[in-house]
Amino acid sequence: MRKQTPEIPSGSAPDRLSPELERLLRVGARRRHLSKNEVLYTRGSAPDSVFYVESGAVQLSATSVNGREAVLGVAEQGRWFGELTLFINAPRVHDAKALVKTELLVVPASRLHEVVDSNADYLREFLRVVCYRYKWAIERIDASILQPLSVRLAQRLLAEREMAMREGAAQQPELRLSQEGLAQRLGASRQSVNRQLKEWESQGLLRLVYGGVTLLDPEALRRVS
């Protein structure tokens, strides 16, 4: 008899796996701790594991021949990553490093294949996750072309605040963000990011400090985004 597709909890993000599948993947997994800026893997390396972020955050990025880094995404607490190249048996397509002190669950490729081979519904779960992330990537490309920097920057700041608050920060956490890092993630120049942040600071929406920013009026930024 075909097993029923595992339910995704109501309110969960569409790129989350079901509790049932997560429990199976945790069997045989090992823990790995990364310090801030520690590299997990590099582009072109052989895929041998899939990862789950227990705490912290991992930046996924690509670097051009002239050394310019483009941030492709950030795997935050509660997210799986690294599955795509495992399924297609191809080298890693980006670099991965810890943005902050991070704890990961590392699931070997052999365990991942054992689990998805046992039930086609588990493979469909991963297919849903991959398709959702593909959709997100297309939307991000569209946004970088069509949406003004102010909208993208407001969205990024609000997302960073949400992540900080999930980790137990205060209502007005100081977000440790460099303007260079924001520019890389948004595909903009540092000067443009600085100009927009300064404008919002003059309007009382945020406060800038060296290497960080505090959102004073998140609701105003939501209206921008």
N, C-alpha and C. Protein backbone atom coordinates (compact mmCIF):
# COMPACT_ATOMS: atom_id res chain seq x y z
N MET A 1 0.85 -1.20 0.00
CA MET A 1 0.00 0.00 0.00
C MET A 1 0.88 1.25 0.00
N ARG A 2 0.54 2.19 -0.85
CA ARG A 2 1.34 3.42 -0.97
C ARG A 2 1.17 4.27 0.28
N LYS A 3 2.31 4.73 0.82
CA LYS A 3 2.26 5.57 2.01
C LYS A 3 1.68 6.93 1.69
N GLN A 4 0.99 7.49 2.66
CA GLN A 4 0.42 8.82 2.50
C GLN A 4 1.53 9.86 2.51
N THR A 5 1.41 10.86 1.66
CA THR A 5 2.40 11.92 1.62
C THR A 5 2.47 12.63 2.96
N PRO A 6 3.67 12.79 3.54
CA PRO A 6 3.80 13.48 4.83
C PRO A 6 3.24 14.88 4.75
N GLU A 7 2.55 15.26 5.80
CA GLU A 7 1.95 16.59 5.84
C GLU A 7 2.98 17.65 6.21
N ILE A 8 2.88 18.80 5.56
CA ILE A 8 3.69 19.95 5.94
C ILE A 8 2.89 20.73 6.96
N PRO A 9 3.45 21.02 8.14
CA PRO A 9 2.69 21.72 9.18
C PRO A 9 2.13 23.03 8.68
N SER A 10 0.91 23.33 9.09
CA SER A 10 0.26 24.58 8.70
C SER A 10 1.12 25.77 9.11
N GLY A 11 1.31 26.70 8.19
CA GLY A 11 2.09 27.89 8.48
C GLY A 11 3.57 27.74 8.22
N SER A 12 4.03 26.50 7.87
CA SER A 12 5.44 26.31 7.61
C SER A 12 5.83 26.90 6.27
N ALA A 13 7.09 27.28 6.14
CA ALA A 13 7.59 27.79 4.87
C ALA A 13 7.58 26.65 3.85
N PRO A 14 7.32 26.96 2.57
CA PRO A 14 7.23 25.91 1.56
C PRO A 14 8.55 25.21 1.28
N ASP A 15 9.67 25.75 1.77
CA ASP A 15 10.94 25.05 1.56
C ASP A 15 11.38 24.29 2.81
N ARG A 16 10.42 23.94 3.65
CA ARG A 16 10.70 23.09 4.81
C ARG A 16 10.28 21.66 4.49
N LEU A 17 10.96 20.71 5.09
CA LEU A 17 10.58 19.32 4.96
C LEU A 17 9.64 18.93 6.09
N SER A 18 8.91 17.84 5.89
CA SER A 18 7.98 17.38 6.92
C SER A 18 8.75 16.86 8.13
N PRO A 19 8.14 16.93 9.33
CA PRO A 19 8.80 16.38 10.52
C PRO A 19 9.19 14.92 10.36
N GLU A 20 8.35 14.15 9.67
CA GLU A 20 8.64 12.72 9.47
C GLU A 20 9.93 12.54 8.68
N LEU A 21 10.07 13.27 7.59
CA LEU A 21 11.27 13.15 6.76
C LEU A 21 12.49 13.67 7.51
N GLU A 22 12.32 14.76 8.23
CA GLU A 22 13.46 15.29 8.99
C GLU A 22 13.95 14.29 10.04
N ARG A 23 13.02 13.61 10.69
CA ARG A 23 13.42 12.60 11.69
C ARG A 23 14.26 11.50 11.05
N LEU A 24 13.86 11.06 9.88
CA LEU A 24 14.60 10.00 9.19
C LEU A 24 15.99 10.47 8.78
N LEU A 25 16.09 11.70 8.31
CA LEU A 25 17.38 12.21 7.88
C LEU A 25 18.34 12.42 9.05
N ARG A 26 17.77 12.69 10.22
CA ARG A 26 18.62 12.91 11.40
C ARG A 26 19.28 11.62 11.88
N VAL A 27 18.71 10.48 11.51
CA VAL A 27 19.29 9.20 11.91
C VAL A 27 20.63 9.03 11.19
N GLY A 28 21.68 8.92 11.93
CA GLY A 28 22.99 8.77 11.32
C GLY A 28 23.69 10.07 10.99
N ALA A 29 23.00 11.21 11.22
CA ALA A 29 23.63 12.51 10.94
C ALA A 29 24.65 12.83 12.03
N ARG A 30 25.62 13.65 11.69
CA ARG A 30 26.58 14.12 12.69
C ARG A 30 26.49 15.63 12.79
N ARG A 31 26.94 16.16 13.89
CA ARG A 31 26.93 17.61 14.09
C ARG A 31 28.28 18.20 13.71
N ARG A 32 28.20 19.40 13.14
CA ARG A 32 29.43 20.12 12.82
C ARG A 32 29.26 21.58 13.24
N HIS A 33 30.26 22.11 13.90
CA HIS A 33 30.23 23.50 14.34
C HIS A 33 31.19 24.33 13.48
N LEU A 34 30.70 25.47 13.02
CA LEU A 34 31.50 26.38 12.21
C LEU A 34 31.66 27.70 12.96
N SER A 35 32.85 28.23 12.93
CA SER A 35 33.06 29.57 13.47
C SER A 35 32.69 30.60 12.40
N LYS A 36 32.55 31.84 12.79
CA LYS A 36 32.20 32.89 11.84
C LYS A 36 33.22 32.95 10.70
N ASN A 37 32.71 32.98 9.46
CA ASN A 37 33.50 33.05 8.23
C ASN A 37 34.23 31.75 7.89
N GLU A 38 33.98 30.68 8.64
CA GLU A 38 34.60 29.39 8.30
C GLU A 38 33.93 28.82 7.05
N VAL A 39 34.75 28.31 6.13
CA VAL A 39 34.25 27.77 4.86
C VAL A 39 33.77 26.34 5.07
N LEU A 40 32.57 26.06 4.59
CA LEU A 40 32.01 24.71 4.64
C LEU A 40 32.42 23.92 3.41
N TYR A 41 32.23 24.51 2.24
CA TYR A 41 32.70 23.91 0.99
C TYR A 41 32.88 25.01 -0.05
N THR A 42 33.57 24.67 -1.13
CA THR A 42 33.84 25.64 -2.19
C THR A 42 33.26 25.16 -3.51
N ARG A 43 33.08 26.10 -4.40
CA ARG A 43 32.56 25.78 -5.73
C ARG A 43 33.49 24.78 -6.42
N GLY A 44 32.88 23.76 -7.02
CA GLY A 44 33.65 22.74 -7.71
C GLY A 44 33.97 21.53 -6.87
N SER A 45 33.73 21.60 -5.56
CA SER A 45 34.02 20.45 -4.70
C SER A 45 32.95 19.38 -4.88
N ALA A 46 33.33 18.14 -4.58
CA ALA A 46 32.40 17.02 -4.76
C ALA A 46 31.34 17.03 -3.66
N PRO A 47 30.08 16.83 -4.03
CA PRO A 47 29.02 16.81 -3.01
C PRO A 47 28.98 15.45 -2.31
N ASP A 48 29.05 15.46 -1.00
CA ASP A 48 29.00 14.20 -0.26
C ASP A 48 28.01 14.23 0.89
N SER A 49 27.33 15.39 1.08
CA SER A 49 26.42 15.52 2.21
C SER A 49 25.35 16.56 1.91
N VAL A 50 24.28 16.49 2.68
CA VAL A 50 23.27 17.54 2.70
C VAL A 50 23.26 18.09 4.13
N PHE A 51 22.88 19.36 4.27
CA PHE A 51 23.07 20.04 5.56
C PHE A 51 21.76 20.65 6.07
N TYR A 52 21.66 20.70 7.39
CA TYR A 52 20.54 21.35 8.06
C TYR A 52 21.11 22.35 9.06
N VAL A 53 20.58 23.57 9.05
CA VAL A 53 21.08 24.62 9.94
C VAL A 53 20.32 24.55 11.27
N GLU A 54 21.01 24.06 12.30
CA GLU A 54 20.42 24.01 13.64
C GLU A 54 20.40 25.40 14.26
N SER A 55 21.47 26.14 14.07
CA SER A 55 21.55 27.52 14.55
C SER A 55 22.57 28.26 13.70
N GLY A 56 22.39 29.59 13.63
CA GLY A 56 23.31 30.39 12.84
C GLY A 56 22.81 30.60 11.41
N ALA A 57 23.74 30.79 10.48
CA ALA A 57 23.39 31.04 9.09
C ALA A 57 24.60 30.77 8.21
N VAL A 58 24.33 30.24 7.01
CA VAL A 58 25.38 29.93 6.04
C VAL A 58 25.13 30.71 4.77
N GLN A 59 26.14 31.44 4.33
CA GLN A 59 26.04 32.23 3.10
C GLN A 59 26.46 31.38 1.91
N LEU A 60 25.65 31.44 0.85
CA LEU A 60 25.94 30.76 -0.41
C LEU A 60 26.30 31.82 -1.43
N SER A 61 27.49 31.74 -2.01
CA SER A 61 27.95 32.82 -2.87
C SER A 61 28.81 32.30 -4.01
N ALA A 62 29.03 33.17 -4.99
CA ALA A 62 29.93 32.88 -6.11
C ALA A 62 30.90 34.04 -6.24
N THR A 63 32.11 33.74 -6.69
CA THR A 63 33.15 34.76 -6.83
C THR A 63 33.64 34.79 -8.27
N SER A 64 33.69 35.99 -8.84
CA SER A 64 34.14 36.15 -10.22
C SER A 64 35.66 36.05 -10.30
N VAL A 65 36.19 36.00 -11.53
CA VAL A 65 37.63 35.88 -11.72
C VAL A 65 38.37 37.10 -11.19
N ASN A 66 37.68 38.25 -11.13
CA ASN A 66 38.34 39.46 -10.60
C ASN A 66 38.14 39.62 -9.10
N GLY A 67 37.56 38.59 -8.46
CA GLY A 67 37.45 38.60 -7.01
C GLY A 67 36.17 39.17 -6.46
N ARG A 68 35.25 39.60 -7.31
CA ARG A 68 34.00 40.16 -6.81
C ARG A 68 33.06 39.03 -6.39
N GLU A 69 32.50 39.18 -5.20
CA GLU A 69 31.63 38.16 -4.64
C GLU A 69 30.17 38.55 -4.81
N ALA A 70 29.36 37.58 -5.25
CA ALA A 70 27.91 37.78 -5.36
C ALA A 70 27.23 36.80 -4.42
N VAL A 71 26.42 37.31 -3.52
CA VAL A 71 25.71 36.45 -2.57
C VAL A 71 24.45 35.91 -3.25
N LEU A 72 24.34 34.60 -3.33
CA LEU A 72 23.21 33.95 -3.99
C LEU A 72 22.07 33.65 -3.03
N GLY A 73 22.39 33.53 -1.77
CA GLY A 73 21.36 33.23 -0.78
C GLY A 73 21.98 32.98 0.57
N VAL A 74 21.12 32.86 1.57
CA VAL A 74 21.56 32.56 2.93
C VAL A 74 20.67 31.46 3.49
N ALA A 75 21.29 30.36 3.91
CA ALA A 75 20.56 29.27 4.56
C ALA A 75 20.52 29.58 6.06
N GLU A 76 19.31 29.84 6.56
CA GLU A 76 19.15 30.25 7.95
C GLU A 76 18.68 29.08 8.80
N GLN A 77 18.49 29.34 10.07
CA GLN A 77 18.07 28.29 11.01
C GLN A 77 16.80 27.61 10.51
N GLY A 78 16.81 26.26 10.55
CA GLY A 78 15.64 25.50 10.12
C GLY A 78 15.62 25.14 8.66
N ARG A 79 16.68 25.50 7.92
CA ARG A 79 16.71 25.24 6.48
C ARG A 79 17.70 24.12 6.13
N TRP A 80 17.31 23.34 5.12
CA TRP A 80 18.20 22.35 4.51
C TRP A 80 18.84 22.98 3.28
N PHE A 81 20.05 22.56 2.97
CA PHE A 81 20.69 23.00 1.73
C PHE A 81 21.74 21.98 1.31
N GLY A 82 22.14 22.07 0.04
CA GLY A 82 23.16 21.18 -0.50
C GLY A 82 22.61 19.96 -1.20
N GLU A 83 21.26 19.88 -1.32
CA GLU A 83 20.67 18.67 -1.90
C GLU A 83 20.75 18.63 -3.42
N LEU A 84 20.74 19.80 -4.08
CA LEU A 84 20.63 19.83 -5.53
C LEU A 84 21.76 19.07 -6.21
N THR A 85 23.00 19.40 -5.88
CA THR A 85 24.12 18.76 -6.57
C THR A 85 24.26 17.29 -6.18
N LEU A 86 23.73 16.91 -5.03
CA LEU A 86 23.73 15.49 -4.67
C LEU A 86 22.83 14.70 -5.61
N PHE A 87 21.65 15.24 -5.90
CA PHE A 87 20.69 14.53 -6.74
C PHE A 87 21.16 14.43 -8.19
N ILE A 88 21.89 15.42 -8.67
CA ILE A 88 22.35 15.38 -10.06
C ILE A 88 23.80 14.93 -10.17
N ASN A 89 24.41 14.59 -9.03
CA ASN A 89 25.79 14.09 -8.99
C ASN A 89 26.74 15.03 -9.73
N ALA A 90 26.67 16.30 -9.36
CA ALA A 90 27.51 17.32 -9.99
C ALA A 90 28.28 18.08 -8.92
N PRO A 91 29.39 18.72 -9.29
CA PRO A 91 30.16 19.49 -8.31
C PRO A 91 29.32 20.64 -7.74
N ARG A 92 29.70 21.09 -6.56
CA ARG A 92 29.02 22.23 -5.94
C ARG A 92 29.10 23.45 -6.86
N VAL A 93 28.02 24.22 -6.92
CA VAL A 93 27.96 25.35 -7.85
C VAL A 93 28.20 26.69 -7.16
N HIS A 94 28.47 26.67 -5.86
CA HIS A 94 28.74 27.91 -5.14
C HIS A 94 29.62 27.61 -3.92
N ASP A 95 30.08 28.67 -3.29
CA ASP A 95 30.82 28.54 -2.04
C ASP A 95 29.84 28.65 -0.87
N ALA A 96 30.18 28.03 0.24
CA ALA A 96 29.34 28.10 1.44
C ALA A 96 30.23 28.39 2.64
N LYS A 97 29.88 29.45 3.39
CA LYS A 97 30.63 29.77 4.61
C LYS A 97 29.67 30.29 5.67
N ALA A 98 30.07 30.14 6.92
CA ALA A 98 29.24 30.58 8.04
C ALA A 98 29.28 32.09 8.18
N LEU A 99 28.10 32.70 8.27
CA LEU A 99 28.03 34.14 8.50
C LEU A 99 28.27 34.48 9.97
N VAL A 100 27.85 33.57 10.82
CA VAL A 100 28.02 33.71 12.27
C VAL A 100 28.39 32.33 12.81
N LYS A 101 28.61 32.23 14.10
CA LYS A 101 28.83 30.93 14.70
C LYS A 101 27.63 30.04 14.40
N THR A 102 27.89 28.87 13.82
CA THR A 102 26.81 28.06 13.25
C THR A 102 26.96 26.59 13.64
N GLU A 103 25.82 25.96 13.88
CA GLU A 103 25.79 24.52 14.13
C GLU A 103 24.97 23.85 13.04
N LEU A 104 25.54 22.82 12.42
CA LEU A 104 24.90 22.11 11.33
C LEU A 104 24.68 20.65 11.68
N LEU A 105 23.65 20.06 11.06
CA LEU A 105 23.54 18.61 10.96
C LEU A 105 24.03 18.22 9.58
N VAL A 106 24.91 17.24 9.53
CA VAL A 106 25.49 16.79 8.26
C VAL A 106 24.98 15.39 7.98
N VAL A 107 24.21 15.25 6.89
CA VAL A 107 23.64 13.96 6.51
C VAL A 107 24.41 13.43 5.31
N PRO A 108 25.06 12.27 5.41
CA PRO A 108 25.82 11.73 4.29
C PRO A 108 24.93 11.44 3.09
N ALA A 109 25.52 11.51 1.91
CA ALA A 109 24.77 11.25 0.68
C ALA A 109 24.13 9.86 0.71
N SER A 110 24.85 8.89 1.25
CA SER A 110 24.32 7.52 1.29
C SER A 110 23.03 7.45 2.10
N ARG A 111 22.96 8.20 3.20
CA ARG A 111 21.75 8.20 4.02
C ARG A 111 20.62 8.91 3.30
N LEU A 112 20.91 10.03 2.64
CA LEU A 112 19.88 10.74 1.89
C LEU A 112 19.26 9.84 0.83
N HIS A 113 20.10 9.16 0.06
CA HIS A 113 19.58 8.29 -1.01
C HIS A 113 18.81 7.11 -0.43
N GLU A 114 19.28 6.58 0.69
CA GLU A 114 18.57 5.48 1.34
C GLU A 114 17.16 5.89 1.73
N VAL A 115 17.02 7.10 2.27
CA VAL A 115 15.71 7.58 2.71
C VAL A 115 14.79 7.84 1.53
N VAL A 116 15.25 8.58 0.52
CA VAL A 116 14.35 8.92 -0.59
C VAL A 116 14.04 7.69 -1.44
N ASP A 117 14.94 6.70 -1.47
CA ASP A 117 14.65 5.48 -2.23
C ASP A 117 13.60 4.63 -1.53
N SER A 118 13.40 4.85 -0.24
CA SER A 118 12.43 4.04 0.51
C SER A 118 10.99 4.49 0.30
N ASN A 119 10.80 5.70 -0.18
CA ASN A 119 9.44 6.24 -0.33
C ASN A 119 9.49 7.39 -1.34
N ALA A 120 8.78 7.23 -2.44
CA ALA A 120 8.79 8.26 -3.48
C ALA A 120 8.26 9.59 -2.98
N ASP A 121 7.42 9.57 -1.95
CA ASP A 121 6.88 10.83 -1.42
C ASP A 121 7.99 11.69 -0.82
N TYR A 122 9.02 11.05 -0.28
CA TYR A 122 10.14 11.82 0.26
C TYR A 122 10.90 12.54 -0.86
N LEU A 123 11.02 11.85 -1.98
CA LEU A 123 11.67 12.48 -3.13
C LEU A 123 10.83 13.66 -3.63
N ARG A 124 9.50 13.51 -3.59
CA ARG A 124 8.61 14.61 -3.99
C ARG A 124 8.77 15.80 -3.06
N GLU A 125 9.01 15.54 -1.79
CA GLU A 125 9.24 16.65 -0.86
C GLU A 125 10.46 17.47 -1.27
N PHE A 126 11.54 16.76 -1.59
CA PHE A 126 12.73 17.48 -2.03
C PHE A 126 12.49 18.18 -3.36
N LEU A 127 11.69 17.57 -4.23
CA LEU A 127 11.37 18.21 -5.50
C LEU A 127 10.61 19.51 -5.26
N ARG A 128 9.69 19.50 -4.30
CA ARG A 128 8.96 20.72 -3.96
C ARG A 128 9.91 21.80 -3.46
N VAL A 129 10.85 21.41 -2.60
CA VAL A 129 11.82 22.37 -2.06
C VAL A 129 12.65 22.97 -3.18
N VAL A 130 13.16 22.12 -4.08
CA VAL A 130 13.99 22.61 -5.19
C VAL A 130 13.18 23.53 -6.09
N CYS A 131 11.93 23.16 -6.39
CA CYS A 131 11.09 23.99 -7.26
C CYS A 131 10.79 25.33 -6.61
N TYR A 132 10.54 25.33 -5.31
CA TYR A 132 10.28 26.58 -4.61
C TYR A 132 11.50 27.49 -4.69
N ARG A 133 12.67 26.93 -4.49
CA ARG A 133 13.89 27.74 -4.52
C ARG A 133 14.18 28.24 -5.93
N TYR A 134 13.83 27.44 -6.93
CA TYR A 134 13.97 27.90 -8.32
C TYR A 134 13.04 29.08 -8.57
N LYS A 135 11.80 28.97 -8.07
CA LYS A 135 10.84 30.07 -8.20
C LYS A 135 11.38 31.33 -7.52
N TRP A 136 11.93 31.15 -6.32
CA TRP A 136 12.49 32.28 -5.58
C TRP A 136 13.64 32.92 -6.36
N ALA A 137 14.47 32.08 -6.99
CA ALA A 137 15.61 32.61 -7.75
C ALA A 137 15.13 33.43 -8.94
N ILE A 138 14.09 32.95 -9.63
CA ILE A 138 13.54 33.70 -10.77
C ILE A 138 12.95 35.01 -10.29
N GLU A 139 12.22 34.97 -9.17
CA GLU A 139 11.64 36.21 -8.63
C GLU A 139 12.72 37.20 -8.22
N ARG A 140 13.83 36.67 -7.70
CA ARG A 140 14.93 37.55 -7.30
C ARG A 140 15.56 38.20 -8.52
N ILE A 141 15.72 37.44 -9.59
CA ILE A 141 16.26 38.02 -10.83
C ILE A 141 15.33 39.11 -11.34
N ASP A 142 14.03 38.82 -11.33
CA ASP A 142 13.05 39.83 -11.77
C ASP A 142 13.14 41.07 -10.89
N ALA A 143 13.25 40.86 -9.58
CA ALA A 143 13.30 41.99 -8.66
C ALA A 143 14.53 42.85 -8.89
N SER A 144 15.66 42.19 -9.18
CA SER A 144 16.89 42.95 -9.38
C SER A 144 16.81 43.80 -10.63
N ILE A 145 15.95 43.39 -11.56
CA ILE A 145 15.81 44.15 -12.80
C ILE A 145 14.70 45.20 -12.68
N LEU A 146 13.59 44.84 -12.03
CA LEU A 146 12.39 45.67 -12.06
C LEU A 146 12.17 46.50 -10.80
N GLN A 147 12.57 45.99 -9.63
CA GLN A 147 12.28 46.72 -8.39
C GLN A 147 13.41 47.69 -8.06
N PRO A 148 13.07 48.86 -7.57
CA PRO A 148 14.12 49.82 -7.19
C PRO A 148 14.91 49.33 -5.98
N LEU A 149 16.09 49.87 -5.81
CA LEU A 149 16.96 49.47 -4.71
C LEU A 149 16.28 49.67 -3.36
N SER A 150 15.51 50.75 -3.20
CA SER A 150 14.87 51.02 -1.92
C SER A 150 13.98 49.86 -1.48
N VAL A 151 13.25 49.27 -2.42
CA VAL A 151 12.36 48.16 -2.10
C VAL A 151 13.17 46.93 -1.70
N ARG A 152 14.19 46.61 -2.48
CA ARG A 152 15.00 45.42 -2.20
C ARG A 152 15.77 45.57 -0.89
N LEU A 153 16.27 46.77 -0.63
CA LEU A 153 17.02 46.99 0.60
C LEU A 153 16.11 46.91 1.82
N ALA A 154 14.91 47.48 1.73
CA ALA A 154 13.96 47.39 2.84
C ALA A 154 13.60 45.93 3.12
N GLN A 155 13.36 45.16 2.08
CA GLN A 155 13.03 43.75 2.25
C GLN A 155 14.17 42.99 2.93
N ARG A 156 15.41 43.29 2.52
CA ARG A 156 16.57 42.62 3.10
C ARG A 156 16.74 42.95 4.58
N LEU A 157 16.58 44.22 4.92
CA LEU A 157 16.72 44.64 6.31
C LEU A 157 15.65 44.00 7.19
N LEU A 158 14.43 43.94 6.69
CA LEU A 158 13.34 43.33 7.46
C LEU A 158 13.57 41.84 7.65
N ALA A 159 14.10 41.17 6.61
CA ALA A 159 14.40 39.75 6.72
C ALA A 159 15.50 39.49 7.75
N GLU A 160 16.51 40.36 7.77
CA GLU A 160 17.59 40.21 8.75
C GLU A 160 17.07 40.43 10.17
N ARG A 161 16.17 41.41 10.33
CA ARG A 161 15.58 41.66 11.65
C ARG A 161 14.76 40.46 12.11
N GLU A 162 14.00 39.88 11.20
CA GLU A 162 13.18 38.72 11.55
C GLU A 162 14.06 37.57 12.01
N MET A 163 15.17 37.34 11.31
CA MET A 163 16.07 36.26 11.69
C MET A 163 16.67 36.53 13.07
N ALA A 164 17.08 37.77 13.33
CA ALA A 164 17.66 38.12 14.63
C ALA A 164 16.66 37.91 15.75
N MET A 165 15.41 38.26 15.52
CA MET A 165 14.39 38.11 16.56
C MET A 165 14.04 36.65 16.79
N ARG A 166 14.10 35.82 15.74
CA ARG A 166 13.88 34.39 15.93
C ARG A 166 14.95 33.79 16.83
N GLU A 167 16.13 34.38 16.80
CA GLU A 167 17.23 33.88 17.62
C GLU A 167 17.24 34.51 19.01
N GLY A 168 16.16 35.24 19.34
CA GLY A 168 16.01 35.75 20.69
C GLY A 168 16.48 37.16 20.92
N ALA A 169 16.70 37.92 19.84
CA ALA A 169 17.15 39.30 20.00
C ALA A 169 16.00 40.18 20.49
N ALA A 170 16.34 41.39 20.91
CA ALA A 170 15.34 42.35 21.39
C ALA A 170 14.50 42.88 20.24
N GLN A 171 13.49 43.70 20.57
CA GLN A 171 12.61 44.25 19.56
C GLN A 171 13.35 45.15 18.57
N GLN A 172 14.42 45.78 19.02
CA GLN A 172 15.22 46.62 18.13
C GLN A 172 16.67 46.11 18.12
N PRO A 173 16.89 44.93 17.53
CA PRO A 173 18.25 44.37 17.53
C PRO A 173 19.18 45.18 16.63
N GLU A 174 20.44 45.26 17.05
CA GLU A 174 21.44 45.86 16.17
C GLU A 174 21.89 44.79 15.18
N LEU A 175 21.57 44.98 13.92
CA LEU A 175 21.89 44.00 12.89
C LEU A 175 23.33 44.20 12.46
N ARG A 176 24.15 43.15 12.59
CA ARG A 176 25.55 43.25 12.21
C ARG A 176 25.66 43.03 10.71
N LEU A 177 25.55 44.12 9.97
CA LEU A 177 25.56 44.09 8.51
C LEU A 177 26.51 45.15 7.99
N SER A 178 27.41 44.75 7.13
CA SER A 178 28.26 45.74 6.47
C SER A 178 27.55 46.25 5.22
N GLN A 179 27.79 47.49 4.87
CA GLN A 179 27.18 48.04 3.66
C GLN A 179 27.72 47.34 2.42
N GLU A 180 28.97 46.91 2.46
CA GLU A 180 29.54 46.17 1.34
C GLU A 180 28.82 44.84 1.17
N GLY A 181 28.55 44.16 2.31
CA GLY A 181 27.84 42.90 2.25
C GLY A 181 26.42 43.05 1.72
N LEU A 182 25.73 44.10 2.17
CA LEU A 182 24.38 44.37 1.65
C LEU A 182 24.42 44.62 0.15
N ALA A 183 25.40 45.39 -0.29
CA ALA A 183 25.51 45.70 -1.72
C ALA A 183 25.72 44.43 -2.53
N GLN A 184 26.56 43.53 -2.05
CA GLN A 184 26.81 42.28 -2.75
C GLN A 184 25.55 41.45 -2.86
N ARG A 185 24.78 41.39 -1.78
CA ARG A 185 23.58 40.56 -1.78
C ARG A 185 22.48 41.15 -2.66
N LEU A 186 22.50 42.46 -2.85
CA LEU A 186 21.45 43.12 -3.63
C LEU A 186 21.88 43.42 -5.06
N GLY A 187 23.12 43.12 -5.40
CA GLY A 187 23.60 43.42 -6.74
C GLY A 187 23.66 44.90 -7.02
N ALA A 188 24.04 45.68 -6.01
CA ALA A 188 24.10 47.14 -6.14
C ALA A 188 25.48 47.62 -5.71
N SER A 189 25.73 48.90 -5.92
CA SER A 189 27.00 49.47 -5.48
C SER A 189 26.92 49.85 -4.01
N ARG A 190 28.06 49.86 -3.34
CA ARG A 190 28.09 50.26 -1.94
C ARG A 190 27.63 51.70 -1.78
N GLN A 191 28.00 52.55 -2.74
CA GLN A 191 27.62 53.96 -2.67
C GLN A 191 26.11 54.13 -2.71
N SER A 192 25.43 53.35 -3.56
CA SER A 192 23.97 53.44 -3.66
C SER A 192 23.30 52.98 -2.37
N VAL A 193 23.82 51.89 -1.79
CA VAL A 193 23.28 51.39 -0.53
C VAL A 193 23.48 52.41 0.58
N ASN A 194 24.68 52.99 0.65
CA ASN A 194 24.97 53.99 1.67
C ASN A 194 24.06 55.20 1.55
N ARG A 195 23.82 55.63 0.32
CA ARG A 195 22.97 56.80 0.10
C ARG A 195 21.55 56.54 0.58
N GLN A 196 21.01 55.34 0.30
CA GLN A 196 19.65 55.03 0.73
C GLN A 196 19.56 54.89 2.25
N LEU A 197 20.56 54.25 2.85
CA LEU A 197 20.56 54.11 4.31
C LEU A 197 20.64 55.47 5.00
N LYS A 198 21.47 56.35 4.47
CA LYS A 198 21.60 57.69 5.04
C LYS A 198 20.27 58.46 4.95
N GLU A 199 19.57 58.28 3.84
CA GLU A 199 18.27 58.94 3.68
C GLU A 199 17.28 58.45 4.72
N TRP A 200 17.24 57.13 4.93
CA TRP A 200 16.33 56.57 5.93
C TRP A 200 16.73 56.98 7.34
N GLU A 201 18.03 57.09 7.58
CA GLU A 201 18.48 57.53 8.89
C GLU A 201 18.02 58.96 9.17
N SER A 202 18.08 59.81 8.15
CA SER A 202 17.64 61.20 8.33
C SER A 202 16.14 61.29 8.57
N GLN A 203 15.38 60.26 8.12
CA GLN A 203 13.94 60.23 8.32
C GLN A 203 13.55 59.53 9.62
N GLY A 204 14.54 59.03 10.36
CA GLY A 204 14.28 58.37 11.63
C GLY A 204 13.84 56.92 11.52
N LEU A 205 14.05 56.30 10.35
CA LEU A 205 13.63 54.91 10.16
C LEU A 205 14.64 53.93 10.74
N LEU A 206 15.90 54.32 10.81
CA LEU A 206 16.94 53.43 11.30
C LEU A 206 18.10 54.25 11.87
N ARG A 207 19.01 53.54 12.52
CA ARG A 207 20.21 54.17 13.06
C ARG A 207 21.42 53.38 12.59
N LEU A 208 22.39 54.07 12.02
CA LEU A 208 23.60 53.43 11.52
C LEU A 208 24.72 53.51 12.54
N VAL A 209 25.43 52.41 12.69
CA VAL A 209 26.66 52.37 13.49
C VAL A 209 27.70 51.66 12.63
N TYR A 210 28.94 51.68 13.08
CA TYR A 210 29.99 51.02 12.30
C TYR A 210 29.71 49.52 12.22
N GLY A 211 29.53 49.02 11.00
CA GLY A 211 29.30 47.60 10.79
C GLY A 211 27.93 47.11 11.17
N GLY A 212 26.97 48.02 11.34
CA GLY A 212 25.65 47.56 11.74
C GLY A 212 24.57 48.60 11.55
N VAL A 213 23.34 48.17 11.79
CA VAL A 213 22.19 49.06 11.65
C VAL A 213 21.08 48.59 12.59
N THR A 214 20.36 49.53 13.18
CA THR A 214 19.21 49.23 14.03
C THR A 214 17.97 49.82 13.38
N LEU A 215 16.94 48.99 13.19
CA LEU A 215 15.69 49.46 12.60
C LEU A 215 14.83 50.10 13.69
N LEU A 216 14.58 51.39 13.56
CA LEU A 216 13.78 52.12 14.54
C LEU A 216 12.30 52.13 14.20
N ASP A 217 11.99 52.01 12.90
CA ASP A 217 10.59 52.06 12.46
C ASP A 217 10.37 50.99 11.39
N PRO A 218 10.30 49.70 11.80
CA PRO A 218 10.11 48.62 10.83
C PRO A 218 8.84 48.77 10.00
N GLU A 219 7.78 49.32 10.60
CA GLU A 219 6.53 49.46 9.85
C GLU A 219 6.70 50.40 8.66
N ALA A 220 7.47 51.45 8.85
CA ALA A 220 7.72 52.37 7.73
C ALA A 220 8.48 51.66 6.62
N LEU A 221 9.43 50.80 6.99
CA LEU A 221 10.18 50.05 5.98
C LEU A 221 9.28 49.03 5.28
N ARG A 222 8.33 48.46 6.01
CA ARG A 222 7.39 47.53 5.37
C ARG A 222 6.56 48.25 4.32
N ARG A 223 6.21 49.49 4.58
CA ARG A 223 5.44 50.24 3.58
C ARG A 223 6.29 50.50 2.34
N VAL A 224 7.58 50.66 2.54
CA VAL A 224 8.48 50.85 1.39
C VAL A 224 8.57 49.56 0.58
N SER A 225 8.62 48.42 1.29
CA SER A 225 8.83 47.13 0.62
C SER A 225 7.55 46.58 0.01
